[in-house]
Amino acid sequence: MSFYAILPKVIKMETKLEQAYLYDFYGELLNERQRNAYEAFFFQDLSLGEIAVEEGISRQGVHDLVKRSAKTLEEYENKLHLVQKFLFIKGKVGAIQDLAHSYQDKDPQAIGMKIAEIANQILEEL
């Protein structure tokens, strides 16, 4: 299988992960109808037609509702940057964990300095 054959799946997975993060952080800010449609589309993998039947609206109405909801979540992220900060901190904690695992193999003082540096980066981000 060529790289280009799997590319749409990779993009789709990244989009789903991004949407999951946005929903985790900001989903409660959507109204109930938006949440239901968004969850059904992104997390339950229901088609627009299936959601339309459940919600009693047209397929186009579901499309617009899901698209508007996703845009709303993205706007919250653009203003608040909570997902971005979370991912930054998650990466830094991962780096600290890596340093902790290699602690016995290297100079403890150098590792301590590196951990302090990473901690400062996290505090600056907050």
PDB file of N, CA and C in Angstrom:
ATOM      1  N   MET A   1       0.848  -1.173   0.000  1.00  0.00           N
ATOM      2  CA  MET A   1       0.000   0.000   0.000  1.00  0.00           C
ATOM      3  C   MET A   1       0.897   1.240   0.000  1.00  0.00           C
ATOM      4  N   SER A   2       0.614   2.151  -0.879  1.00  0.00           N
ATOM      5  CA  SER A   2       1.436   3.351  -0.983  1.00  0.00           C
ATOM      6  C   SER A   2       1.093   4.339   0.126  1.00  0.00           C
ATOM      7  N   PHE A   3       2.014   5.272   0.340  1.00  0.00           N
ATOM      8  CA  PHE A   3       1.814   6.315   1.333  1.00  0.00           C
ATOM      9  C   PHE A   3       0.565   7.122   1.018  1.00  0.00           C
ATOM     10  N   TYR A   4       0.361   7.419  -0.259  1.00  0.00           N
ATOM     11  CA  TYR A   4      -0.775   8.252  -0.649  1.00  0.00           C
ATOM     12  C   TYR A   4      -2.106   7.543  -0.445  1.00  0.00           C
ATOM     13  N   ALA A   5      -2.080   6.215  -0.437  1.00  0.00           N
ATOM     14  CA  ALA A   5      -3.310   5.468  -0.193  1.00  0.00           C
ATOM     15  C   ALA A   5      -3.735   5.572   1.268  1.00  0.00           C
ATOM     16  N   ILE A   6      -2.764   5.678   2.187  1.00  0.00           N
ATOM     17  CA  ILE A   6      -3.121   5.766   3.600  1.00  0.00           C
ATOM     18  C   ILE A   6      -3.223   7.206   4.087  1.00  0.00           C
ATOM     19  N   LEU A   7      -2.800   8.166   3.282  1.00  0.00           N
ATOM     20  CA  LEU A   7      -2.808   9.569   3.691  1.00  0.00           C
ATOM     21  C   LEU A   7      -4.189  10.040   4.137  1.00  0.00           C
ATOM     22  N   PRO A   8      -5.267   9.767   3.405  1.00  0.00           N
ATOM     23  CA  PRO A   8      -6.576  10.221   3.890  1.00  0.00           C
ATOM     24  C   PRO A   8      -6.932   9.646   5.258  1.00  0.00           C
ATOM     25  N   LYS A   9      -6.533   8.407   5.538  1.00  0.00           N
ATOM     26  CA  LYS A   9      -6.804   7.808   6.845  1.00  0.00           C
ATOM     27  C   LYS A   9      -6.022   8.527   7.926  1.00  0.00           C
ATOM     28  N   VAL A  10      -4.778   8.900   7.644  1.00  0.00           N
ATOM     29  CA  VAL A  10      -3.952   9.618   8.617  1.00  0.00           C
ATOM     30  C   VAL A  10      -4.564  10.980   8.896  1.00  0.00           C
ATOM     31  N   ILE A  11      -4.955  11.679   7.850  1.00  0.00           N
ATOM     32  CA  ILE A  11      -5.566  12.995   8.017  1.00  0.00           C
ATOM     33  C   ILE A  11      -6.863  12.858   8.803  1.00  0.00           C
ATOM     34  N   LYS A  12      -7.659  11.859   8.477  1.00  0.00           N
ATOM     35  CA  LYS A  12      -8.908  11.643   9.184  1.00  0.00           C
ATOM     36  C   LYS A  12      -8.650  11.374  10.659  1.00  0.00           C
ATOM     37  N   MET A  13      -7.640  10.572  10.975  1.00  0.00           N
ATOM     38  CA  MET A  13      -7.320  10.265  12.365  1.00  0.00           C
ATOM     39  C   MET A  13      -6.881  11.524  13.097  1.00  0.00           C
ATOM     40  N   GLU A  14      -6.031  12.347  12.472  1.00  0.00           N
ATOM     41  CA  GLU A  14      -5.590  13.587  13.101  1.00  0.00           C
ATOM     42  C   GLU A  14      -6.768  14.508  13.348  1.00  0.00           C
ATOM     43  N   THR A  15      -7.689  14.581  12.398  1.00  0.00           N
ATOM     44  CA  THR A  15      -8.867  15.426  12.550  1.00  0.00           C
ATOM     45  C   THR A  15      -9.725  14.920  13.703  1.00  0.00           C
ATOM     46  N   LYS A  16      -9.911  13.614  13.787  1.00  0.00           N
ATOM     47  CA  LYS A  16     -10.713  13.059  14.884  1.00  0.00           C
ATOM     48  C   LYS A  16     -10.053  13.329  16.227  1.00  0.00           C
ATOM     49  N   LEU A  17      -8.757  13.184  16.302  1.00  0.00           N
ATOM     50  CA  LEU A  17      -8.044  13.454  17.551  1.00  0.00           C
ATOM     51  C   LEU A  17      -8.166  14.928  17.920  1.00  0.00           C
ATOM     52  N   GLU A  18      -7.985  15.791  16.941  1.00  0.00           N
ATOM     53  CA  GLU A  18      -8.116  17.227  17.181  1.00  0.00           C
ATOM     54  C   GLU A  18      -9.527  17.557  17.663  1.00  0.00           C
ATOM     55  N   GLN A  19     -10.533  16.995  16.998  1.00  0.00           N
ATOM     56  CA  GLN A  19     -11.918  17.247  17.391  1.00  0.00           C
ATOM     57  C   GLN A  19     -12.203  16.699  18.793  1.00  0.00           C
ATOM     58  N   ALA A  20     -11.602  15.568  19.129  1.00  0.00           N
ATOM     59  CA  ALA A  20     -11.795  14.993  20.465  1.00  0.00           C
ATOM     60  C   ALA A  20     -11.221  15.925  21.534  1.00  0.00           C
ATOM     61  N   TYR A  21     -10.032  16.464  21.290  1.00  0.00           N
ATOM     62  CA  TYR A  21      -9.443  17.404  22.242  1.00  0.00           C
ATOM     63  C   TYR A  21     -10.324  18.650  22.381  1.00  0.00           C
ATOM     64  N   LEU A  22     -10.736  19.199  21.256  1.00  0.00           N
ATOM     65  CA  LEU A  22     -11.579  20.394  21.310  1.00  0.00           C
ATOM     66  C   LEU A  22     -12.859  20.123  22.081  1.00  0.00           C
ATOM     67  N   TYR A  23     -13.466  18.970  21.828  1.00  0.00           N
ATOM     68  CA  TYR A  23     -14.709  18.636  22.509  1.00  0.00           C
ATOM     69  C   TYR A  23     -14.469  18.412  24.002  1.00  0.00           C
ATOM     70  N   ASP A  24     -13.369  17.750  24.350  1.00  0.00           N
ATOM     71  CA  ASP A  24     -13.058  17.523  25.765  1.00  0.00           C
ATOM     72  C   ASP A  24     -12.943  18.840  26.525  1.00  0.00           C
ATOM     73  N   PHE A  25     -12.334  19.820  25.904  1.00  0.00           N
ATOM     74  CA  PHE A  25     -12.109  21.088  26.586  1.00  0.00           C
ATOM     75  C   PHE A  25     -13.301  22.036  26.526  1.00  0.00           C
ATOM     76  N   TYR A  26     -14.006  22.044  25.397  1.00  0.00           N
ATOM     77  CA  TYR A  26     -15.026  23.068  25.197  1.00  0.00           C
ATOM     78  C   TYR A  26     -16.428  22.526  24.925  1.00  0.00           C
ATOM     79  N   GLY A  27     -16.598  21.222  24.882  1.00  0.00           N
ATOM     80  CA  GLY A  27     -17.878  20.633  24.501  1.00  0.00           C
ATOM     81  C   GLY A  27     -19.046  21.067  25.366  1.00  0.00           C
ATOM     82  N   GLU A  28     -18.801  21.282  26.644  1.00  0.00           N
ATOM     83  CA  GLU A  28     -19.881  21.696  27.536  1.00  0.00           C
ATOM     84  C   GLU A  28     -20.417  23.088  27.196  1.00  0.00           C
ATOM     85  N   LEU A  29     -19.696  23.826  26.388  1.00  0.00           N
ATOM     86  CA  LEU A  29     -20.148  25.155  25.992  1.00  0.00           C
ATOM     87  C   LEU A  29     -21.122  25.113  24.820  1.00  0.00           C
ATOM     88  N   LEU A  30     -21.252  23.954  24.189  1.00  0.00           N
ATOM     89  CA  LEU A  30     -22.242  23.783  23.122  1.00  0.00           C
ATOM     90  C   LEU A  30     -23.598  23.513  23.751  1.00  0.00           C
ATOM     91  N   ASN A  31     -24.662  23.849  23.001  1.00  0.00           N
ATOM     92  CA  ASN A  31     -25.979  23.501  23.533  1.00  0.00           C
ATOM     93  C   ASN A  31     -26.231  22.000  23.331  1.00  0.00           C
ATOM     94  N   GLU A  32     -27.277  21.483  23.933  1.00  0.00           N
ATOM     95  CA  GLU A  32     -27.524  20.039  23.930  1.00  0.00           C
ATOM     96  C   GLU A  32     -27.673  19.478  22.516  1.00  0.00           C
ATOM     97  N   ARG A  33     -28.369  20.192  21.665  1.00  0.00           N
ATOM     98  CA  ARG A  33     -28.564  19.725  20.284  1.00  0.00           C
ATOM     99  C   ARG A  33     -27.232  19.651  19.533  1.00  0.00           C
ATOM    100  N   GLN A  34     -26.409  20.670  19.716  1.00  0.00           N
ATOM    101  CA  GLN A  34     -25.091  20.670  19.086  1.00  0.00           C
ATOM    102  C   GLN A  34     -24.240  19.519  19.607  1.00  0.00           C
ATOM    103  N   ARG A  35     -24.250  19.321  20.929  1.00  0.00           N
ATOM    104  CA  ARG A  35     -23.470  18.227  21.519  1.00  0.00           C
ATOM    105  C   ARG A  35     -23.920  16.873  20.977  1.00  0.00           C
ATOM    106  N   ASN A  36     -25.229  16.658  20.914  1.00  0.00           N
ATOM    107  CA  ASN A  36     -25.745  15.372  20.435  1.00  0.00           C
ATOM    108  C   ASN A  36     -25.297  15.089  19.005  1.00  0.00           C
ATOM    109  N   ALA A  37     -25.442  16.065  18.136  1.00  0.00           N
ATOM    110  CA  ALA A  37     -25.069  15.879  16.734  1.00  0.00           C
ATOM    111  C   ALA A  37     -23.558  15.703  16.597  1.00  0.00           C
ATOM    112  N   TYR A  38     -22.808  16.496  17.312  1.00  0.00           N
ATOM    113  CA  TYR A  38     -21.348  16.439  17.260  1.00  0.00           C
ATOM    114  C   TYR A  38     -20.847  15.081  17.727  1.00  0.00           C
ATOM    115  N   GLU A  39     -21.355  14.619  18.867  1.00  0.00           N
ATOM    116  CA  GLU A  39     -20.943  13.316  19.402  1.00  0.00           C
ATOM    117  C   GLU A  39     -21.319  12.187  18.449  1.00  0.00           C
ATOM    118  N   ALA A  40     -22.518  12.249  17.903  1.00  0.00           N
ATOM    119  CA  ALA A  40     -22.965  11.193  16.992  1.00  0.00           C
ATOM    120  C   ALA A  40     -22.078  11.133  15.754  1.00  0.00           C
ATOM    121  N   PHE A  41     -21.705  12.291  15.231  1.00  0.00           N
ATOM    122  CA  PHE A  41     -20.900  12.329  14.006  1.00  0.00           C
ATOM    123  C   PHE A  41     -19.446  11.947  14.259  1.00  0.00           C
ATOM    124  N   PHE A  42     -18.814  12.570  15.238  1.00  0.00           N
ATOM    125  CA  PHE A  42     -17.380  12.364  15.442  1.00  0.00           C
ATOM    126  C   PHE A  42     -17.030  11.142  16.285  1.00  0.00           C
ATOM    127  N   PHE A  43     -17.861  10.815  17.247  1.00  0.00           N
ATOM    128  CA  PHE A  43     -17.485   9.759  18.188  1.00  0.00           C
ATOM    129  C   PHE A  43     -18.232   8.454  17.986  1.00  0.00           C
ATOM    130  N   GLN A  44     -19.449   8.532  17.441  1.00  0.00           N
ATOM    131  CA  GLN A  44     -20.214   7.312  17.200  1.00  0.00           C
ATOM    132  C   GLN A  44     -20.165   6.901  15.728  1.00  0.00           C
ATOM    133  N   ASP A  45     -19.504   7.714  14.908  1.00  0.00           N
ATOM    134  CA  ASP A  45     -19.348   7.464  13.474  1.00  0.00           C
ATOM    135  C   ASP A  45     -20.678   7.236  12.761  1.00  0.00           C
ATOM    136  N   LEU A  46     -21.714   7.938  13.195  1.00  0.00           N
ATOM    137  CA  LEU A  46     -22.988   7.867  12.486  1.00  0.00           C
ATOM    138  C   LEU A  46     -22.925   8.766  11.261  1.00  0.00           C
ATOM    139  N   SER A  47     -23.638   8.389  10.233  1.00  0.00           N
ATOM    140  CA  SER A  47     -23.679   9.204   9.022  1.00  0.00           C
ATOM    141  C   SER A  47     -24.595  10.404   9.247  1.00  0.00           C
ATOM    142  N   LEU A  48     -24.468  11.375   8.372  1.00  0.00           N
ATOM    143  CA  LEU A  48     -25.337  12.542   8.466  1.00  0.00           C
ATOM    144  C   LEU A  48     -26.801  12.125   8.344  1.00  0.00           C
ATOM    145  N   GLY A  49     -27.068  11.156   7.468  1.00  0.00           N
ATOM    146  CA  GLY A  49     -28.429  10.666   7.289  1.00  0.00           C
ATOM    147  C   GLY A  49     -28.974  10.001   8.544  1.00  0.00           C
ATOM    148  N   GLU A  50     -28.139   9.206   9.201  1.00  0.00           N
ATOM    149  CA  GLU A  50     -28.574   8.546  10.436  1.00  0.00           C
ATOM    150  C   GLU A  50     -28.866   9.562  11.537  1.00  0.00           C
ATOM    151  N   ILE A  51     -28.027  10.554  11.633  1.00  0.00           N
ATOM    152  CA  ILE A  51     -28.235  11.600  12.645  1.00  0.00           C
ATOM    153  C   ILE A  51     -29.485  12.396  12.309  1.00  0.00           C
ATOM    154  N   ALA A  52     -29.698  12.654  11.033  1.00  0.00           N
ATOM    155  CA  ALA A  52     -30.875  13.407  10.600  1.00  0.00           C
ATOM    156  C   ALA A  52     -32.158  12.703  11.038  1.00  0.00           C
ATOM    157  N   VAL A  53     -32.188  11.390  10.887  1.00  0.00           N
ATOM    158  CA  VAL A  53     -33.368  10.626  11.306  1.00  0.00           C
ATOM    159  C   VAL A  53     -33.564  10.751  12.813  1.00  0.00           C
ATOM    160  N   GLU A  54     -32.474  10.606  13.571  1.00  0.00           N
ATOM    161  CA  GLU A  54     -32.555  10.699  15.038  1.00  0.00           C
ATOM    162  C   GLU A  54     -32.987  12.085  15.507  1.00  0.00           C
ATOM    163  N   GLU A  55     -32.474  13.113  14.858  1.00  0.00           N
ATOM    164  CA  GLU A  55     -32.744  14.488  15.278  1.00  0.00           C
ATOM    165  C   GLU A  55     -34.017  15.069  14.653  1.00  0.00           C
ATOM    166  N   GLY A  56     -34.533  14.408  13.631  1.00  0.00           N
ATOM    167  CA  GLY A  56     -35.742  14.901  12.977  1.00  0.00           C
ATOM    168  C   GLY A  56     -35.506  16.139  12.133  1.00  0.00           C
ATOM    169  N   ILE A  57     -34.305  16.231  11.563  1.00  0.00           N
ATOM    170  CA  ILE A  57     -33.992  17.347  10.665  1.00  0.00           C
ATOM    171  C   ILE A  57     -33.386  16.787   9.384  1.00  0.00           C
ATOM    172  N   SER A  58     -33.159  17.651   8.421  1.00  0.00           N
ATOM    173  CA  SER A  58     -32.606  17.195   7.147  1.00  0.00           C
ATOM    174  C   SER A  58     -31.128  16.850   7.290  1.00  0.00           C
ATOM    175  N   ARG A  59     -30.641  16.104   6.316  1.00  0.00           N
ATOM    176  CA  ARG A  59     -29.219  15.758   6.270  1.00  0.00           C
ATOM    177  C   ARG A  59     -28.383  17.028   6.190  1.00  0.00           C
ATOM    178  N   GLN A  60     -28.819  17.977   5.376  1.00  0.00           N
ATOM    179  CA  GLN A  60     -28.123  19.258   5.245  1.00  0.00           C
ATOM    180  C   GLN A  60     -28.131  20.014   6.571  1.00  0.00           C
ATOM    181  N   GLY A  61     -29.243  19.926   7.297  1.00  0.00           N
ATOM    182  CA  GLY A  61     -29.332  20.569   8.607  1.00  0.00           C
ATOM    183  C   GLY A  61     -28.321  19.992   9.581  1.00  0.00           C
ATOM    184  N   VAL A  62     -28.151  18.675   9.539  1.00  0.00           N
ATOM    185  CA  VAL A  62     -27.155  18.023  10.399  1.00  0.00           C
ATOM    186  C   VAL A  62     -25.755  18.472  10.000  1.00  0.00           C
ATOM    187  N   HIS A  63     -25.501  18.491   8.688  1.00  0.00           N
ATOM    188  CA  HIS A  63     -24.194  18.931   8.192  1.00  0.00           C
ATOM    189  C   HIS A  63     -23.871  20.329   8.712  1.00  0.00           C
ATOM    190  N   ASP A  64     -24.823  21.234   8.570  1.00  0.00           N
ATOM    191  CA  ASP A  64     -24.616  22.611   9.021  1.00  0.00           C
ATOM    192  C   ASP A  64     -24.412  22.678  10.532  1.00  0.00           C
ATOM    193  N   LEU A  65     -25.185  21.884  11.273  1.00  0.00           N
ATOM    194  CA  LEU A  65     -25.092  21.871  12.723  1.00  0.00           C
ATOM    195  C   LEU A  65     -23.726  21.371  13.184  1.00  0.00           C
ATOM    196  N   VAL A  66     -23.258  20.280  12.596  1.00  0.00           N
ATOM    197  CA  VAL A  66     -21.953  19.720  12.963  1.00  0.00           C
ATOM    198  C   VAL A  66     -20.834  20.688  12.569  1.00  0.00           C
ATOM    199  N   LYS A  67     -20.936  21.247  11.377  1.00  0.00           N
ATOM    200  CA  LYS A  67     -19.909  22.178  10.904  1.00  0.00           C
ATOM    201  C   LYS A  67     -19.848  23.429  11.789  1.00  0.00           C
ATOM    202  N   ARG A  68     -21.017  23.956  12.127  1.00  0.00           N
ATOM    203  CA  ARG A  68     -21.077  25.143  12.992  1.00  0.00           C
ATOM    204  C   ARG A  68     -20.524  24.827  14.385  1.00  0.00           C
ATOM    205  N   SER A  69     -20.851  23.649  14.900  1.00  0.00           N
ATOM    206  CA  SER A  69     -20.363  23.247  16.220  1.00  0.00           C
ATOM    207  C   SER A  69     -18.843  23.125  16.219  1.00  0.00           C
ATOM    208  N   ALA A  70     -18.297  22.481  15.184  1.00  0.00           N
ATOM    209  CA  ALA A  70     -16.846  22.338  15.077  1.00  0.00           C
ATOM    210  C   ALA A  70     -16.177  23.704  14.979  1.00  0.00           C
ATOM    211  N   LYS A  71     -16.777  24.597  14.220  1.00  0.00           N
ATOM    212  CA  LYS A  71     -16.217  25.943  14.078  1.00  0.00           C
ATOM    213  C   LYS A  71     -16.257  26.683  15.414  1.00  0.00           C
ATOM    214  N   THR A  72     -17.339  26.512  16.155  1.00  0.00           N
ATOM    215  CA  THR A  72     -17.455  27.151  17.462  1.00  0.00           C
ATOM    216  C   THR A  72     -16.360  26.663  18.404  1.00  0.00           C
ATOM    217  N   LEU A  73     -16.122  25.347  18.414  1.00  0.00           N
ATOM    218  CA  LEU A  73     -15.071  24.797  19.267  1.00  0.00           C
ATOM    219  C   LEU A  73     -13.705  25.336  18.859  1.00  0.00           C
ATOM    220  N   GLU A  74     -13.463  25.437  17.561  1.00  0.00           N
ATOM    221  CA  GLU A  74     -12.190  25.974  17.077  1.00  0.00           C
ATOM    222  C   GLU A  74     -12.024  27.441  17.467  1.00  0.00           C
ATOM    223  N   GLU A  75     -13.120  28.196  17.447  1.00  0.00           N
ATOM    224  CA  GLU A  75     -13.050  29.600  17.852  1.00  0.00           C
ATOM    225  C   GLU A  75     -12.705  29.730  19.334  1.00  0.00           C
ATOM    226  N   TYR A  76     -13.278  28.852  20.165  1.00  0.00           N
ATOM    227  CA  TYR A  76     -12.913  28.863  21.578  1.00  0.00           C
ATOM    228  C   TYR A  76     -11.418  28.596  21.737  1.00  0.00           C
ATOM    229  N   GLU A  77     -10.905  27.616  21.001  1.00  0.00           N
ATOM    230  CA  GLU A  77      -9.481  27.297  21.097  1.00  0.00           C
ATOM    231  C   GLU A  77      -8.623  28.462  20.613  1.00  0.00           C
ATOM    232  N   ASN A  78      -9.038  29.122  19.548  1.00  0.00           N
ATOM    233  CA  ASN A  78      -8.278  30.262  19.026  1.00  0.00           C
ATOM    234  C   ASN A  78      -8.189  31.396  20.041  1.00  0.00           C
ATOM    235  N   LYS A  79      -9.209  31.512  20.883  1.00  0.00           N
ATOM    236  CA  LYS A  79      -9.211  32.569  21.892  1.00  0.00           C
ATOM    237  C   LYS A  79      -8.527  32.152  23.189  1.00  0.00           C
ATOM    238  N   LEU A  80      -8.732  30.899  23.605  1.00  0.00           N
ATOM    239  CA  LEU A  80      -8.277  30.472  24.926  1.00  0.00           C
ATOM    240  C   LEU A  80      -7.002  29.629  24.918  1.00  0.00           C
ATOM    241  N   HIS A  81      -6.742  28.928  23.842  1.00  0.00           N
ATOM    242  CA  HIS A  81      -5.527  28.108  23.675  1.00  0.00           C
ATOM    243  C   HIS A  81      -5.353  27.030  24.748  1.00  0.00           C
ATOM    244  N   LEU A  82      -6.428  26.504  25.278  1.00  0.00           N
ATOM    245  CA  LEU A  82      -6.323  25.496  26.338  1.00  0.00           C
ATOM    246  C   LEU A  82      -5.771  24.175  25.817  1.00  0.00           C
ATOM    247  N   VAL A  83      -6.194  23.762  24.631  1.00  0.00           N
ATOM    248  CA  VAL A  83      -5.688  22.511  24.060  1.00  0.00           C
ATOM    249  C   VAL A  83      -4.201  22.658  23.756  1.00  0.00           C
ATOM    250  N   GLN A  84      -3.834  23.785  23.168  1.00  0.00           N
ATOM    251  CA  GLN A  84      -2.428  24.036  22.844  1.00  0.00           C
ATOM    252  C   GLN A  84      -1.568  23.983  24.108  1.00  0.00           C
ATOM    253  N   LYS A  85      -2.015  24.615  25.171  1.00  0.00           N
ATOM    254  CA  LYS A  85      -1.263  24.602  26.424  1.00  0.00           C
ATOM    255  C   LYS A  85      -1.192  23.202  27.010  1.00  0.00           C
ATOM    256  N   PHE A  86      -2.305  22.482  26.948  1.00  0.00           N
ATOM    257  CA  PHE A  86      -2.339  21.109  27.456  1.00  0.00           C
ATOM    258  C   PHE A  86      -1.328  20.240  26.720  1.00  0.00           C
ATOM    259  N   LEU A  87      -1.318  20.326  25.384  1.00  0.00           N
ATOM    260  CA  LEU A  87      -0.398  19.500  24.599  1.00  0.00           C
ATOM    261  C   LEU A  87       1.053  19.888  24.847  1.00  0.00           C
ATOM    262  N   PHE A  88       1.311  21.166  25.025  1.00  0.00           N
ATOM    263  CA  PHE A  88       2.665  21.628  25.351  1.00  0.00           C
ATOM    264  C   PHE A  88       3.117  21.021  26.677  1.00  0.00           C
ATOM    265  N   ILE A  89       2.270  21.133  27.679  1.00  0.00           N
ATOM    266  CA  ILE A  89       2.611  20.613  29.006  1.00  0.00           C
ATOM    267  C   ILE A  89       2.740  19.101  28.980  1.00  0.00           C
ATOM    268  N   LYS A  90       1.861  18.440  28.244  1.00  0.00           N
ATOM    269  CA  LYS A  90       1.931  16.986  28.118  1.00  0.00           C
ATOM    270  C   LYS A  90       3.283  16.564  27.528  1.00  0.00           C
ATOM    271  N   GLY A  91       3.739  17.287  26.522  1.00  0.00           N
ATOM    272  CA  GLY A  91       5.039  16.998  25.917  1.00  0.00           C
ATOM    273  C   GLY A  91       6.180  17.208  26.889  1.00  0.00           C
ATOM    274  N   LYS A  92       6.092  18.266  27.668  1.00  0.00           N
ATOM    275  CA  LYS A  92       7.144  18.559  28.648  1.00  0.00           C
ATOM    276  C   LYS A  92       7.161  17.514  29.763  1.00  0.00           C
ATOM    277  N   VAL A  93       5.995  17.078  30.202  1.00  0.00           N
ATOM    278  CA  VAL A  93       5.936  16.035  31.235  1.00  0.00           C
ATOM    279  C   VAL A  93       6.520  14.739  30.675  1.00  0.00           C
ATOM    280  N   GLY A  94       6.249  14.460  29.403  1.00  0.00           N
ATOM    281  CA  GLY A  94       6.858  13.292  28.762  1.00  0.00           C
ATOM    282  C   GLY A  94       8.373  13.378  28.762  1.00  0.00           C
ATOM    283  N   ALA A  95       8.895  14.574  28.524  1.00  0.00           N
ATOM    284  CA  ALA A  95      10.351  14.771  28.544  1.00  0.00           C
ATOM    285  C   ALA A  95      10.901  14.544  29.949  1.00  0.00           C
ATOM    286  N   ILE A  96      10.165  15.000  30.955  1.00  0.00           N
ATOM    287  CA  ILE A  96      10.591  14.777  32.342  1.00  0.00           C
ATOM    288  C   ILE A  96      10.582  13.284  32.651  1.00  0.00           C
ATOM    289  N   GLN A  97       9.559  12.577  32.200  1.00  0.00           N
ATOM    290  CA  GLN A  97       9.503  11.136  32.412  1.00  0.00           C
ATOM    291  C   GLN A  97      10.680  10.433  31.758  1.00  0.00           C
ATOM    292  N   ASP A  98      11.016  10.842  30.548  1.00  0.00           N
ATOM    293  CA  ASP A  98      12.170  10.253  29.862  1.00  0.00           C
ATOM    294  C   ASP A  98      13.456  10.482  30.657  1.00  0.00           C
ATOM    295  N   LEU A  99      13.604  11.698  31.173  1.00  0.00           N
ATOM    296  CA  LEU A  99      14.779  11.997  31.987  1.00  0.00           C
ATOM    297  C   LEU A  99      14.792  11.160  33.263  1.00  0.00           C
ATOM    298  N   ALA A 100      13.644  10.994  33.878  1.00  0.00           N
ATOM    299  CA  ALA A 100      13.563  10.199  35.105  1.00  0.00           C
ATOM    300  C   ALA A 100      13.940   8.745  34.841  1.00  0.00           C
ATOM    301  N   HIS A 101      13.550   8.217  33.684  1.00  0.00           N
ATOM    302  CA  HIS A 101      13.889   6.831  33.347  1.00  0.00           C
ATOM    303  C   HIS A 101      15.382   6.658  33.060  1.00  0.00           C
ATOM    304  N   SER A 102      16.010   7.712  32.590  1.00  0.00           N
ATOM    305  CA  SER A 102      17.437   7.614  32.272  1.00  0.00           C
ATOM    306  C   SER A 102      18.307   8.107  33.425  1.00  0.00           C
ATOM    307  N   TYR A 103      17.698   8.402  34.540  1.00  0.00           N
ATOM    308  CA  TYR A 103      18.394   8.986  35.679  1.00  0.00           C
ATOM    309  C   TYR A 103      19.612   8.183  36.116  1.00  0.00           C
ATOM    310  N   GLN A 104      19.489   6.872  36.141  1.00  0.00           N
ATOM    311  CA  GLN A 104      20.590   6.031  36.614  1.00  0.00           C
ATOM    312  C   GLN A 104      21.743   5.964  35.619  1.00  0.00           C
ATOM    313  N   ASP A 105      21.450   6.219  34.364  1.00  0.00           N
ATOM    314  CA  ASP A 105      22.458   6.079  33.327  1.00  0.00           C
ATOM    315  C   ASP A 105      23.301   7.337  33.105  1.00  0.00           C
ATOM    316  N   LYS A 106      22.893   8.461  33.674  1.00  0.00           N
ATOM    317  CA  LYS A 106      23.568   9.719  33.358  1.00  0.00           C
ATOM    318  C   LYS A 106      23.906  10.498  34.621  1.00  0.00           C
ATOM    319  N   ASP A 107      24.475  11.647  34.400  1.00  0.00           N
ATOM    320  CA  ASP A 107      24.870  12.547  35.476  1.00  0.00           C
ATOM    321  C   ASP A 107      23.626  13.128  36.160  1.00  0.00           C
ATOM    322  N   PRO A 108      23.396  12.798  37.435  1.00  0.00           N
ATOM    323  CA  PRO A 108      22.201  13.276  38.137  1.00  0.00           C
ATOM    324  C   PRO A 108      22.090  14.800  38.182  1.00  0.00           C
ATOM    325  N   GLN A 109      23.217  15.486  38.298  1.00  0.00           N
ATOM    326  CA  GLN A 109      23.175  16.949  38.358  1.00  0.00           C
ATOM    327  C   GLN A 109      22.700  17.535  37.029  1.00  0.00           C
ATOM    328  N   ALA A 110      23.195  16.995  35.926  1.00  0.00           N
ATOM    329  CA  ALA A 110      22.774  17.477  34.608  1.00  0.00           C
ATOM    330  C   ALA A 110      21.289  17.202  34.380  1.00  0.00           C
ATOM    331  N   ILE A 111      20.826  16.043  34.824  1.00  0.00           N
ATOM    332  CA  ILE A 111      19.408  15.704  34.673  1.00  0.00           C
ATOM    333  C   ILE A 111      18.557  16.634  35.534  1.00  0.00           C
ATOM    334  N   GLY A 112      19.006  16.914  36.738  1.00  0.00           N
ATOM    335  CA  GLY A 112      18.286  17.839  37.614  1.00  0.00           C
ATOM    336  C   GLY A 112      18.168  19.217  36.997  1.00  0.00           C
ATOM    337  N   MET A 113      19.238  19.683  36.370  1.00  0.00           N
ATOM    338  CA  MET A 113      19.210  20.990  35.705  1.00  0.00           C
ATOM    339  C   MET A 113      18.239  20.976  34.528  1.00  0.00           C
ATOM    340  N   LYS A 114      18.238  19.886  33.772  1.00  0.00           N
ATOM    341  CA  LYS A 114      17.335  19.783  32.631  1.00  0.00           C
ATOM    342  C   LYS A 114      15.875  19.755  33.096  1.00  0.00           C
ATOM    343  N   ILE A 115      15.589  19.029  34.176  1.00  0.00           N
ATOM    344  CA  ILE A 115      14.229  18.992  34.725  1.00  0.00           C
ATOM    345  C   ILE A 115      13.810  20.379  35.191  1.00  0.00           C
ATOM    346  N   ALA A 116      14.699  21.105  35.832  1.00  0.00           N
ATOM    347  CA  ALA A 116      14.401  22.473  36.275  1.00  0.00           C
ATOM    348  C   ALA A 116      14.118  23.377  35.073  1.00  0.00           C
ATOM    349  N   GLU A 117      14.870  23.204  34.010  1.00  0.00           N
ATOM    350  CA  GLU A 117      14.654  23.985  32.789  1.00  0.00           C
ATOM    351  C   GLU A 117      13.268  23.700  32.201  1.00  0.00           C
ATOM    352  N   ILE A 118      12.911  22.423  32.133  1.00  0.00           N
ATOM    353  CA  ILE A 118      11.603  22.044  31.602  1.00  0.00           C
ATOM    354  C   ILE A 118      10.485  22.585  32.500  1.00  0.00           C
ATOM    355  N   ALA A 119      10.677  22.508  33.809  1.00  0.00           N
ATOM    356  CA  ALA A 119       9.677  23.037  34.743  1.00  0.00           C
ATOM    357  C   ALA A 119       9.483  24.537  34.527  1.00  0.00           C
ATOM    358  N   ASN A 120      10.563  25.248  34.298  1.00  0.00           N
ATOM    359  CA  ASN A 120      10.460  26.684  34.028  1.00  0.00           C
ATOM    360  C   ASN A 120       9.691  26.959  32.734  1.00  0.00           C
ATOM    361  N   GLN A 121       9.918  26.132  31.705  1.00  0.00           N
ATOM    362  CA  GLN A 121       9.182  26.291  30.457  1.00  0.00           C
ATOM    363  C   GLN A 121       7.686  26.089  30.668  1.00  0.00           C
ATOM    364  N   ILE A 122       7.352  25.091  31.492  1.00  0.00           N
ATOM    365  CA  ILE A 122       5.935  24.837  31.780  1.00  0.00           C
ATOM    366  C   ILE A 122       5.336  26.034  32.517  1.00  0.00           C
ATOM    367  N   LEU A 123       6.037  26.550  33.513  1.00  0.00           N
ATOM    368  CA  LEU A 123       5.523  27.686  34.267  1.00  0.00           C
ATOM    369  C   LEU A 123       5.368  28.936  33.394  1.00  0.00           C
ATOM    370  N   GLU A 124       6.280  29.134  32.470  1.00  0.00           N
ATOM    371  CA  GLU A 124       6.182  30.260  31.553  1.00  0.00           C
ATOM    372  C   GLU A 124       4.957  30.140  30.649  1.00  0.00           C
ATOM    373  N   GLU A 125       4.632  28.911  30.257  1.00  0.00           N
ATOM    374  CA  GLU A 125       3.480  28.686  29.381  1.00  0.00           C
ATOM    375  C   GLU A 125       2.169  28.970  30.111  1.00  0.00           C
ATOM    376  N   LEU A 126       2.165  28.714  31.414  1.00  0.00           N
ATOM    377  CA  LEU A 126       0.948  28.945  32.194  1.00  0.00           C
ATOM    378  C   LEU A 126       0.828  30.425  32.464  1.00  0.00           C
TER     379      LEU A 126
END
